[in-house]
C-alpha atoms as a PDB file:
ATOM      1  CA  ILE A   1      89.376 120.569 114.317  1.00  0.00           C
ATOM      2  CA  SER A   2      87.425 117.686 112.775  1.00  0.00           C
ATOM      3  CA  TYR A   3      87.514 114.035 113.619  1.00  0.00           C
ATOM      4  CA  SER A   4      85.515 111.267 111.843  1.00  0.00           C
ATOM      5  CA  GLU A   5      85.406 107.497 111.773  1.00  0.00           C
ATOM      6  CA  TYR A   6      84.274 105.446 108.799  1.00  0.00           C
ATOM      7  CA  PRO A   7      83.662 101.798 108.082  1.00  0.00           C
ATOM      8  CA  GLY A   8      86.773  99.961 106.890  1.00  0.00           C
ATOM      9  CA  ASP A   9      85.461  99.555 103.217  1.00  0.00           C
ATOM     10  CA  TYR A  10      84.712 103.260 103.011  1.00  0.00           C
ATOM     11  CA  ILE A  11      86.829 105.349 100.509  1.00  0.00           C
ATOM     12  CA  ILE A  12      88.148 108.524 101.858  1.00  0.00           C
ATOM     13  CA  ARG A  13      89.433 111.333  99.763  1.00  0.00           C
ATOM     14  CA  VAL A  14      92.191 113.706 101.136  1.00  0.00           C
ATOM     15  CA  ASP A  15      93.724 116.381  99.023  1.00  0.00           C
ATOM     16  CA  THR A  16      97.441 115.435  98.845  1.00  0.00           C
ATOM     17  CA  GLU A  17      98.388 117.261  95.711  1.00  0.00           C
ATOM     18  CA  ARG A  18     101.575 119.393  96.548  1.00  0.00           C
ATOM     19  CA  ALA A  19     101.153 118.478 100.205  1.00  0.00           C
ATOM     20  CA  GLU A  20     104.020 117.586 102.468  1.00  0.00           C
ATOM     21  CA  LEU A  21     103.379 113.819 103.306  1.00  0.00           C
ATOM     22  CA  SER A  22     104.837 111.855 106.268  1.00  0.00           C
ATOM     23  CA  THR A  23     104.108 108.826 108.252  1.00  0.00           C
ATOM     24  CA  TYR A  24     104.174 108.106 111.959  1.00  0.00           C
ATOM     25  CA  ILE A  25     103.505 105.154 114.254  1.00  0.00           C
ATOM     26  CA  ILE A  26     101.003 106.170 116.882  1.00  0.00           C
ATOM     27  CA  ASN A  27      99.488 103.771 119.389  1.00  0.00           C
ATOM     28  CA  GLY A  28     100.864 100.952 117.251  1.00  0.00           C
ATOM     29  CA  LEU A  29      99.207 102.143 113.929  1.00  0.00           C
ATOM     30  CA  THR A  30     100.739 103.773 110.906  1.00  0.00           C
ATOM     31  CA  VAL A  31      99.318 107.259 110.557  1.00  0.00           C
ATOM     32  CA  THR A  32      99.745 109.295 107.462  1.00  0.00           C
ATOM     33  CA  ALA A  33      99.957 113.148 107.549  1.00  0.00           C
ATOM     34  CA  ALA A  34      99.423 115.636 104.755  1.00  0.00           C
ATOM     35  CA  VAL A  35     100.238 119.215 105.398  1.00  0.00           C
ATOM     36  CA  LYS A  36      99.024 121.704 102.818  1.00  0.00           C
ATOM     37  CA  ASN A  37      98.750 125.365 103.429  1.00  0.00           C
ATOM     38  CA  ASN A  38      97.277 125.762 106.972  1.00  0.00           C
ATOM     39  CA  LEU A  39      95.391 122.451 107.031  1.00  0.00           C
ATOM     40  CA  ILE A  40      96.833 119.327 108.481  1.00  0.00           C
ATOM     41  CA  SER A  41      95.104 115.918 107.697  1.00  0.00           C
ATOM     42  CA  LEU A  42      95.906 112.671 109.363  1.00  0.00           C
ATOM     43  CA  TRP A  43      94.438 109.250 108.627  1.00  0.00           C
ATOM     44  CA  TRP A  44      94.857 105.714 109.673  1.00  0.00           C
ATOM     45  CA  ASN A  45      92.930 102.562 110.098  1.00  0.00           C
ATOM     46  CA  ASP A  46      92.571  99.444 112.228  1.00  0.00           C
ATOM     47  CA  GLU A  47      90.952  96.184 111.067  1.00  0.00           C
ATOM     48  CA  ASP A  48      87.583  97.636 110.503  1.00  0.00           C
ATOM     49  CA  THR A  49      87.631 101.387 110.800  1.00  0.00           C
ATOM     50  CA  ILE A  50      89.236 104.361 109.039  1.00  0.00           C
ATOM     51  CA  PHE A  51      90.038 107.374 111.229  1.00  0.00           C
ATOM     52  CA  VAL A  52      90.425 110.939 109.829  1.00  0.00           C
ATOM     53  CA  PHE A  53      91.614 113.940 111.906  1.00  0.00           C
ATOM     54  CA  GLN A  54      92.062 117.438 110.549  1.00  0.00           C
ATOM     55  CA  GLY A  55      93.287 120.511 112.084  1.00  0.00           C
ATOM     56  CA  GLN A  56      93.373 124.027 110.713  1.00  0.00           C
ATOM     57  CA  HIS A  57      95.831 126.718 112.031  1.00  0.00           C
ATOM     58  CA  LEU A  58      97.538 124.218 114.170  1.00  0.00           C
ATOM     59  CA  THR A  59     101.166 122.865 114.032  1.00  0.00           C
ATOM     60  CA  LEU A  60     101.853 119.247 113.068  1.00  0.00           C
ATOM     61  CA  THR A  61     103.160 118.636 116.644  1.00  0.00           C
ATOM     62  CA  GLU A  62      99.805 119.954 118.019  1.00  0.00           C
ATOM     63  CA  VAL A  63      97.813 117.644 115.714  1.00  0.00           C
ATOM     64  CA  LEU A  64      99.924 114.771 116.462  1.00  0.00           C
ATOM     65  CA  ASP A  65      99.474 115.257 120.122  1.00  0.00           C
ATOM     66  CA  TYR A  66      95.621 115.234 119.603  1.00  0.00           C
ATOM     67  CA  VAL A  67      95.733 111.983 117.722  1.00  0.00           C
ATOM     68  CA  ARG A  68      97.920 110.308 120.393  1.00  0.00           C
ATOM     69  CA  HIS A  69      95.064 110.786 122.699  1.00  0.00           C
ATOM     70  CA  ILE A  70      92.245 109.445 120.496  1.00  0.00           C
ATOM     71  CA  VAL A  71      90.908 106.102 121.858  1.00  0.00           C
ATOM     72  CA  PRO A  72      87.928 104.833 119.842  1.00  0.00           C
ATOM     73  CA  ALA A  73      84.939 103.743 121.899  1.00  0.00           C
ATOM     74  CA  ARG A  74      84.249  99.904 121.618  1.00  0.00           C
END
């Protein structure tokens, strides 16, 4: 499991080639999910931060449950 936060102007790169992509609304924000092989990557942003969560050897349901409980410190 990996979780990172980046400044809003940061450019992230997620390997989405031949990945299964989907979007979800979690805690009022649009979250994009990329499922490729045994790696699931989710990313979303608010006004000034980009959030990235990755889980390997987990189900999409498990990863979404983790993300639902992320509350950034302010």
